[in-house]
Every structure is written in C-alpha cells, then in structure tokens.
N, C-alpha and C. Protein backbone atom coordinates (compact mmCIF):
# COMPACT_ATOMS: atom_id res chain seq x y z
N MET A 1 2.64 4.44 -15.19
CA MET A 1 2.62 4.32 -13.75
C MET A 1 1.87 3.04 -13.38
N LYS A 2 2.38 2.36 -12.36
CA LYS A 2 1.78 1.12 -11.87
C LYS A 2 1.12 1.38 -10.53
N ARG A 3 0.06 0.63 -10.27
CA ARG A 3 -0.65 0.73 -8.99
C ARG A 3 -0.35 -0.52 -8.18
N ILE A 4 0.17 -0.31 -6.96
CA ILE A 4 0.57 -1.39 -6.08
C ILE A 4 -0.47 -1.53 -4.97
N PHE A 5 -0.86 -2.76 -4.69
CA PHE A 5 -1.71 -3.04 -3.53
C PHE A 5 -0.79 -3.34 -2.36
N VAL A 6 -1.09 -2.76 -1.21
CA VAL A 6 -0.35 -3.08 0.01
C VAL A 6 -1.38 -3.45 1.08
N GLY A 7 -1.22 -4.65 1.62
CA GLY A 7 -2.15 -5.15 2.62
C GLY A 7 -1.47 -5.50 3.91
N ASN A 8 -2.29 -5.70 4.93
CA ASN A 8 -1.85 -6.05 6.28
C ASN A 8 -1.10 -4.90 6.94
N LEU A 9 -1.53 -3.67 6.60
CA LEU A 9 -0.97 -2.49 7.25
C LEU A 9 -1.49 -2.39 8.69
N PRO A 10 -0.70 -1.86 9.61
CA PRO A 10 -1.20 -1.67 10.98
C PRO A 10 -2.25 -0.56 11.00
N SER A 11 -3.12 -0.58 11.99
CA SER A 11 -4.20 0.41 12.05
C SER A 11 -3.69 1.83 12.27
N ASP A 12 -2.48 1.97 12.78
CA ASP A 12 -1.93 3.32 12.99
C ASP A 12 -1.10 3.82 11.80
N ALA A 13 -1.14 3.10 10.68
CA ALA A 13 -0.42 3.54 9.47
C ALA A 13 -1.05 4.83 8.94
N THR A 14 -0.19 5.73 8.47
CA THR A 14 -0.66 6.99 7.88
C THR A 14 -0.06 7.13 6.48
N GLU A 15 -0.59 8.07 5.71
CA GLU A 15 -0.03 8.31 4.38
C GLU A 15 1.44 8.70 4.49
N THR A 16 1.80 9.43 5.50
CA THR A 16 3.19 9.87 5.70
C THR A 16 4.11 8.68 5.94
N THR A 17 3.73 7.77 6.85
CA THR A 17 4.61 6.65 7.17
C THR A 17 4.72 5.67 6.00
N VAL A 18 3.62 5.44 5.30
CA VAL A 18 3.65 4.50 4.17
C VAL A 18 4.41 5.12 3.00
N THR A 19 4.24 6.42 2.77
CA THR A 19 5.00 7.09 1.71
C THR A 19 6.49 7.03 1.99
N ALA A 20 6.87 7.24 3.25
CA ALA A 20 8.30 7.17 3.62
C ALA A 20 8.85 5.78 3.35
N LEU A 21 8.08 4.75 3.65
CA LEU A 21 8.52 3.38 3.42
C LEU A 21 8.74 3.10 1.94
N PHE A 22 7.78 3.49 1.09
CA PHE A 22 7.87 3.20 -0.34
C PHE A 22 8.81 4.14 -1.08
N SER A 23 9.03 5.34 -0.56
CA SER A 23 9.89 6.31 -1.27
C SER A 23 11.35 5.90 -1.27
N GLU A 24 11.71 4.90 -0.47
CA GLU A 24 13.08 4.38 -0.52
C GLU A 24 13.37 3.74 -1.88
N PHE A 25 12.33 3.40 -2.63
CA PHE A 25 12.49 2.70 -3.91
C PHE A 25 12.18 3.59 -5.10
N GLY A 26 11.80 4.84 -4.86
CA GLY A 26 11.52 5.77 -5.94
C GLY A 26 10.41 6.73 -5.55
N ARG A 27 9.99 7.53 -6.51
CA ARG A 27 8.98 8.56 -6.25
C ARG A 27 7.59 7.94 -6.13
N VAL A 28 6.91 8.28 -5.05
CA VAL A 28 5.52 7.85 -4.85
C VAL A 28 4.64 8.92 -5.50
N HIS A 29 3.96 8.55 -6.59
CA HIS A 29 3.12 9.50 -7.31
C HIS A 29 1.76 9.69 -6.64
N SER A 30 1.24 8.62 -6.05
CA SER A 30 -0.05 8.71 -5.38
C SER A 30 -0.13 7.68 -4.27
N ILE A 31 -0.98 7.96 -3.30
CA ILE A 31 -1.22 7.02 -2.22
C ILE A 31 -2.67 7.14 -1.81
N GLU A 32 -3.29 6.00 -1.59
CA GLU A 32 -4.69 5.95 -1.16
C GLU A 32 -4.82 4.87 -0.09
N LEU A 33 -4.85 5.28 1.16
CA LEU A 33 -5.08 4.33 2.24
C LEU A 33 -6.58 4.27 2.50
N VAL A 34 -7.10 3.08 2.75
CA VAL A 34 -8.52 2.93 3.05
C VAL A 34 -8.68 3.14 4.55
N ILE A 35 -9.50 4.13 4.90
CA ILE A 35 -9.67 4.57 6.28
C ILE A 35 -11.08 4.20 6.76
N ASP A 36 -11.16 3.69 8.00
CA ASP A 36 -12.45 3.38 8.61
C ASP A 36 -13.16 4.69 8.93
N MET A 37 -14.41 4.80 8.50
CA MET A 37 -15.13 6.07 8.66
C MET A 37 -15.48 6.37 10.12
N PHE A 38 -15.57 5.37 10.95
CA PHE A 38 -15.94 5.60 12.34
C PHE A 38 -14.73 5.88 13.24
N SER A 39 -13.68 5.08 13.09
CA SER A 39 -12.52 5.25 13.96
C SER A 39 -11.48 6.22 13.39
N GLY A 40 -11.50 6.41 12.06
CA GLY A 40 -10.51 7.28 11.43
C GLY A 40 -9.15 6.61 11.25
N LYS A 41 -9.09 5.30 11.54
CA LYS A 41 -7.82 4.56 11.42
C LYS A 41 -7.78 3.77 10.12
N CYS A 42 -6.57 3.40 9.75
CA CYS A 42 -6.35 2.62 8.54
C CYS A 42 -7.05 1.26 8.66
N ARG A 43 -7.73 0.83 7.59
CA ARG A 43 -8.42 -0.46 7.60
C ARG A 43 -7.48 -1.60 7.23
N GLY A 44 -6.21 -1.31 7.03
CA GLY A 44 -5.24 -2.38 6.82
C GLY A 44 -4.77 -2.55 5.39
N PHE A 45 -5.25 -1.71 4.47
CA PHE A 45 -4.78 -1.82 3.10
C PHE A 45 -4.88 -0.48 2.38
N GLY A 46 -4.21 -0.43 1.23
CA GLY A 46 -4.23 0.78 0.43
C GLY A 46 -3.55 0.54 -0.91
N TYR A 47 -3.40 1.60 -1.67
CA TYR A 47 -2.83 1.54 -3.02
C TYR A 47 -1.79 2.63 -3.18
N ILE A 48 -0.69 2.28 -3.84
CA ILE A 48 0.43 3.19 -4.08
C ILE A 48 0.65 3.28 -5.58
N GLY A 49 0.88 4.47 -6.09
CA GLY A 49 1.21 4.67 -7.50
C GLY A 49 2.68 4.99 -7.66
N MET A 50 3.40 4.15 -8.44
CA MET A 50 4.83 4.36 -8.70
C MET A 50 5.14 3.97 -10.14
N GLU A 51 6.29 4.40 -10.63
CA GLU A 51 6.75 3.98 -11.95
C GLU A 51 7.05 2.48 -11.93
N GLY A 52 6.98 1.82 -13.08
CA GLY A 52 7.09 0.38 -13.19
C GLY A 52 8.30 -0.25 -12.55
N HIS A 53 9.50 0.22 -12.91
CA HIS A 53 10.71 -0.41 -12.36
C HIS A 53 10.85 -0.14 -10.87
N GLU A 54 10.40 1.03 -10.41
CA GLU A 54 10.45 1.34 -8.99
C GLU A 54 9.42 0.50 -8.23
N ALA A 55 8.26 0.31 -8.83
CA ALA A 55 7.21 -0.51 -8.22
C ALA A 55 7.68 -1.95 -8.06
N ARG A 56 8.34 -2.49 -9.09
CA ARG A 56 8.84 -3.86 -9.01
C ARG A 56 9.88 -4.01 -7.90
N ALA A 57 10.75 -3.02 -7.75
CA ALA A 57 11.76 -3.06 -6.69
C ALA A 57 11.09 -3.00 -5.31
N ALA A 58 10.08 -2.15 -5.16
CA ALA A 58 9.37 -2.03 -3.88
C ALA A 58 8.66 -3.34 -3.54
N ILE A 59 8.02 -3.95 -4.52
CA ILE A 59 7.33 -5.22 -4.29
C ILE A 59 8.32 -6.30 -3.86
N ALA A 60 9.45 -6.37 -4.56
CA ALA A 60 10.45 -7.40 -4.26
C ALA A 60 10.99 -7.25 -2.83
N LYS A 61 11.20 -6.03 -2.38
CA LYS A 61 11.81 -5.82 -1.06
C LYS A 61 10.80 -5.76 0.08
N LEU A 62 9.58 -5.30 -0.19
CA LEU A 62 8.63 -5.07 0.90
C LEU A 62 7.62 -6.19 1.11
N SER A 63 7.50 -7.10 0.16
CA SER A 63 6.58 -8.22 0.36
C SER A 63 7.12 -9.11 1.48
N GLY A 64 6.37 -9.23 2.56
CA GLY A 64 6.81 -9.99 3.72
C GLY A 64 7.59 -9.16 4.73
N PHE A 65 7.78 -7.88 4.45
CA PHE A 65 8.52 -6.97 5.35
C PHE A 65 7.69 -6.70 6.61
N GLN A 66 8.36 -6.69 7.77
CA GLN A 66 7.68 -6.37 9.03
C GLN A 66 7.54 -4.85 9.16
N PHE A 67 6.29 -4.39 9.25
CA PHE A 67 6.00 -2.96 9.36
C PHE A 67 4.95 -2.76 10.45
N GLY A 68 5.32 -2.11 11.53
CA GLY A 68 4.40 -1.88 12.63
C GLY A 68 3.92 -3.17 13.27
N GLY A 69 4.75 -4.21 13.24
CA GLY A 69 4.39 -5.49 13.83
C GLY A 69 3.63 -6.42 12.91
N ASN A 70 3.35 -5.98 11.70
CA ASN A 70 2.62 -6.80 10.72
C ASN A 70 3.51 -7.15 9.54
N MET A 71 3.29 -8.33 8.96
CA MET A 71 4.02 -8.73 7.76
C MET A 71 3.22 -8.25 6.54
N LEU A 72 3.81 -7.33 5.78
CA LEU A 72 3.10 -6.72 4.66
C LEU A 72 2.86 -7.70 3.51
N ARG A 73 1.74 -7.51 2.83
CA ARG A 73 1.45 -8.19 1.56
C ARG A 73 1.47 -7.11 0.50
N VAL A 74 2.38 -7.23 -0.46
CA VAL A 74 2.58 -6.19 -1.46
C VAL A 74 2.62 -6.83 -2.84
N GLY A 75 1.89 -6.27 -3.79
CA GLY A 75 1.89 -6.77 -5.16
C GLY A 75 1.16 -5.81 -6.07
N PHE A 76 1.25 -6.06 -7.36
CA PHE A 76 0.52 -5.22 -8.31
C PHE A 76 -0.97 -5.40 -8.10
N GLU A 77 -1.73 -4.32 -8.27
CA GLU A 77 -3.18 -4.39 -8.14
C GLU A 77 -3.72 -5.35 -9.20
N SER A 78 -4.62 -6.22 -8.80
CA SER A 78 -5.19 -7.17 -9.77
C SER A 78 -6.15 -6.44 -10.70
N ALA A 79 -6.36 -6.99 -11.88
CA ALA A 79 -7.21 -6.36 -12.89
C ALA A 79 -8.63 -6.13 -12.37
N GLY A 80 -9.13 -7.03 -11.56
CA GLY A 80 -10.49 -6.90 -11.03
C GLY A 80 -10.50 -6.36 -9.63
N GLY A 81 -9.52 -5.53 -9.28
CA GLY A 81 -9.33 -5.08 -7.92
C GLY A 81 -10.52 -4.48 -7.22
N LYS A 82 -11.36 -3.71 -7.94
CA LYS A 82 -12.46 -3.04 -7.27
C LYS A 82 -13.82 -3.64 -7.62
N GLN A 83 -13.85 -4.75 -8.32
CA GLN A 83 -15.13 -5.31 -8.74
C GLN A 83 -15.92 -5.89 -7.59
N GLY A 84 -15.27 -6.45 -6.58
CA GLY A 84 -15.97 -7.08 -5.49
C GLY A 84 -16.33 -6.13 -4.36
N ARG A 85 -16.21 -4.87 -4.60
CA ARG A 85 -16.41 -3.84 -3.59
C ARG A 85 -17.89 -3.68 -3.23
N ARG A 86 -18.18 -3.58 -1.92
CA ARG A 86 -19.56 -3.34 -1.48
C ARG A 86 -19.91 -1.88 -1.71
N ARG A 87 -21.16 -1.65 -1.97
CA ARG A 87 -21.63 -0.26 -2.22
C ARG A 87 -22.56 0.19 -1.15
C-alpha cells in the first residue's frame, strides 16, 4: 500500500468528500485529514492510503484538479514526511 499526500484542500473538506474523490481510482484503504483543533475544519492537507497502481492513477489525474475552488497538490508522501513536524 502507498501513502499519498494531498494538499491545498478546502477548509470544508471532509473524509467523506475526499474518499469519494479518490475512490474513483480504486479502494481507499485509509484516510487521515489534518484537522484544526480549534475550528474543527480541515487544515488543508491529509494522507490517503491506496494500492500502488491505483495511487499512481489518482496522482496522475488529481494533481492540479480543481476541488472546492482549490487546485490540489497530490503526490506520494516523501520519505521524511513527518520529520519537520512541530511537537
């Protein structure tokens, strides 16, 4: 399974709407949207778990796709994805 980073999500994005978008390309095994603890809204990015060939198809079609008025940034999670995280 591959982990996909999706950025520039609108603040009203939910796990349901993002899952529906990515499920057009295959089964979504996991989804983790980063939520603001004060407002309860999406902070604009998250991670999707999909099989390799399905993940590649989703990245190819959704990178630059207009979703909720925003142009999505979609790609495989980088190896150091969580190293720069504040604690």
